[in-house]
């Protein structure tokens, strides 16, 4: 996954460089090219692909808080777990 992201970042950087060095191009155009074709799509990709990890860390923190409080972790009904597995 990182290889594809690195390749996409390289292509977006080359597009911005071509925009900046073109006789009709501008640095502002190169900046927006890099932003719109590189930074925003990659940021969105990493945010979406990082969602399961954030969810796991949040649940682990909740379980650790419950254990520190001396309580037992709450169990969920079986249907909730089945629906959750279908989401991921």
C-alpha atoms as a PDB file:
ATOM      1  CA  UNK A   1       0.000   0.000   0.000  1.00  0.00           C
ATOM      2  CA  UNK A   2       2.841   2.360   0.831  1.00  0.00           C
ATOM      3  CA  UNK A   3       4.481   1.671  -2.520  1.00  0.00           C
ATOM      4  CA  UNK A   4       1.385   2.883  -4.377  1.00  0.00           C
ATOM      5  CA  UNK A   5       1.169   5.980  -2.171  1.00  0.00           C
ATOM      6  CA  UNK A   6       4.857   6.784  -2.735  1.00  0.00           C
ATOM      7  CA  UNK A   7       4.438   6.342  -6.490  1.00  0.00           C
ATOM      8  CA  UNK A   8       1.352   8.589  -6.508  1.00  0.00           C
ATOM      9  CA  UNK A   9       3.206  11.249  -4.498  1.00  0.00           C
ATOM     10  CA  UNK A  10       6.098  11.082  -6.982  1.00  0.00           C
ATOM     11  CA  UNK A  11       3.742  11.545  -9.936  1.00  0.00           C
ATOM     12  CA  UNK A  12       1.986  14.480  -8.258  1.00  0.00           C
ATOM     13  CA  UNK A  13       5.369  16.063  -7.486  1.00  0.00           C
ATOM     14  CA  UNK A  14       6.481  15.659 -11.109  1.00  0.00           C
ATOM     15  CA  UNK A  15       3.213  17.200 -12.304  1.00  0.00           C
ATOM     16  CA  UNK A  16       3.788  20.178 -10.013  1.00  0.00           C
ATOM     17  CA  UNK A  17       7.382  20.518 -11.227  1.00  0.00           C
ATOM     18  CA  UNK A  18       6.203  20.475 -14.846  1.00  0.00           C
ATOM     19  CA  UNK A  19       3.635  23.138 -14.024  1.00  0.00           C
ATOM     20  CA  UNK A  20       6.233  25.335 -12.317  1.00  0.00           C
ATOM     21  CA  UNK A  21       8.823  25.070 -15.096  1.00  0.00           C
ATOM     22  CA  UNK A  22       6.405  25.446 -17.994  1.00  0.00           C
ATOM     23  CA  UNK A  23       6.583  28.823 -19.791  1.00  0.00           C
ATOM     24  CA  UNK A  24       2.860  29.283 -19.231  1.00  0.00           C
ATOM     25  CA  UNK A  25       2.836  27.746 -15.749  1.00  0.00           C
ATOM     26  CA  UNK A  26       3.058  29.497 -12.416  1.00  0.00           C
ATOM     27  CA  UNK A  27       4.245  28.591  -8.947  1.00  0.00           C
ATOM     28  CA  UNK A  28       0.715  29.101  -7.669  1.00  0.00           C
ATOM     29  CA  UNK A  29      -0.547  26.613 -10.238  1.00  0.00           C
ATOM     30  CA  UNK A  30       2.169  24.166  -9.200  1.00  0.00           C
ATOM     31  CA  UNK A  31       1.190  24.570  -5.553  1.00  0.00           C
ATOM     32  CA  UNK A  32      -2.473  23.837  -6.286  1.00  0.00           C
ATOM     33  CA  UNK A  33      -1.526  20.925  -8.538  1.00  0.00           C
ATOM     34  CA  UNK A  34       0.507  19.403  -5.725  1.00  0.00           C
ATOM     35  CA  UNK A  35      -2.258  20.101  -3.204  1.00  0.00           C
ATOM     36  CA  UNK A  36      -5.178  18.828  -5.271  1.00  0.00           C
ATOM     37  CA  UNK A  37      -3.483  15.843  -6.918  1.00  0.00           C
ATOM     38  CA  UNK A  38      -1.100  14.841  -4.139  1.00  0.00           C
ATOM     39  CA  UNK A  39      -1.738  15.964  -0.592  1.00  0.00           C
ATOM     40  CA  UNK A  40      -5.533  15.820  -0.423  1.00  0.00           C
ATOM     41  CA  UNK A  41      -6.028  12.396  -2.093  1.00  0.00           C
ATOM     42  CA  UNK A  42      -3.213  10.806  -0.090  1.00  0.00           C
ATOM     43  CA  UNK A  43      -4.487  12.332   3.139  1.00  0.00           C
ATOM     44  CA  UNK A  44      -7.958  10.972   2.458  1.00  0.00           C
ATOM     45  CA  UNK A  45      -6.550   7.550   1.562  1.00  0.00           C
ATOM     46  CA  UNK A  46      -4.482   7.308   4.750  1.00  0.00           C
ATOM     47  CA  UNK A  47      -7.413   8.537   6.852  1.00  0.00           C
ATOM     48  CA  UNK A  48      -9.789   5.915   5.438  1.00  0.00           C
ATOM     49  CA  UNK A  49      -7.267   3.080   5.634  1.00  0.00           C
ATOM     50  CA  UNK A  50      -6.319   4.073   9.191  1.00  0.00           C
ATOM     51  CA  UNK A  51      -9.883   3.814  10.516  1.00  0.00           C
ATOM     52  CA  UNK A  52      -9.669   0.166  11.687  1.00  0.00           C
ATOM     53  CA  UNK A  53      -6.467   0.897  13.613  1.00  0.00           C
ATOM     54  CA  UNK A  54      -7.985   3.936  15.306  1.00  0.00           C
ATOM     55  CA  UNK A  55     -11.029   1.867  16.233  1.00  0.00           C
ATOM     56  CA  UNK A  56      -8.835  -0.875  17.750  1.00  0.00           C
ATOM     57  CA  UNK A  57      -6.799   1.649  19.758  1.00  0.00           C
ATOM     58  CA  UNK A  58      -9.963   3.330  21.065  1.00  0.00           C
ATOM     59  CA  UNK A  59     -11.457  -0.011  22.170  1.00  0.00           C
ATOM     60  CA  UNK A  60      -8.184  -1.048  23.809  1.00  0.00           C
ATOM     61  CA  UNK A  61      -8.101   2.244  25.717  1.00  0.00           C
ATOM     62  CA  UNK A  62     -11.708   1.747  26.837  1.00  0.00           C
ATOM     63  CA  UNK A  63     -10.947  -1.789  28.028  1.00  0.00           C
ATOM     64  CA  UNK A  64      -7.835  -0.589  29.858  1.00  0.00           C
ATOM     65  CA  UNK A  65      -9.880   2.133  31.562  1.00  0.00           C
ATOM     66  CA  UNK A  66     -12.488  -0.400  32.644  1.00  0.00           C
ATOM     67  CA  UNK A  67      -9.826  -2.740  33.994  1.00  0.00           C
ATOM     68  CA  UNK A  68      -8.135   0.100  35.889  1.00  0.00           C
ATOM     69  CA  UNK A  69     -11.485   0.997  37.427  1.00  0.00           C
ATOM     70  CA  UNK A  70     -11.757  -2.568  38.739  1.00  0.00           C
ATOM     71  CA  UNK A  71     -14.729  -3.477  36.615  1.00  0.00           C
ATOM     72  CA  UNK A  72     -15.080  -6.262  34.141  1.00  0.00           C
ATOM     73  CA  UNK A  73     -15.206  -5.434  30.452  1.00  0.00           C
ATOM     74  CA  UNK A  74     -18.742  -5.296  29.223  1.00  0.00           C
ATOM     75  CA  UNK A  75     -19.807  -7.975  26.792  1.00  0.00           C
ATOM     76  CA  UNK A  76     -21.853  -7.288  23.737  1.00  0.00           C
ATOM     77  CA  UNK A  77     -24.748  -9.341  22.432  1.00  0.00           C
ATOM     78  CA  UNK A  78     -23.871 -11.795  19.676  1.00  0.00           C
ATOM     79  CA  UNK A  79     -25.901  -9.918  17.066  1.00  0.00           C
ATOM     80  CA  UNK A  80     -23.879  -6.749  17.650  1.00  0.00           C
ATOM     81  CA  UNK A  81     -20.642  -8.587  17.069  1.00  0.00           C
ATOM     82  CA  UNK A  82     -21.946 -10.214  13.901  1.00  0.00           C
ATOM     83  CA  UNK A  83     -23.074  -6.846  12.530  1.00  0.00           C
ATOM     84  CA  UNK A  84     -19.724  -5.323  13.442  1.00  0.00           C
ATOM     85  CA  UNK A  85     -17.836  -8.036  11.573  1.00  0.00           C
ATOM     86  CA  UNK A  86     -19.921  -7.383   8.472  1.00  0.00           C
ATOM     87  CA  UNK A  87     -18.939  -3.680   8.577  1.00  0.00           C
ATOM     88  CA  UNK A  88     -15.210  -4.394   8.491  1.00  0.00           C
END
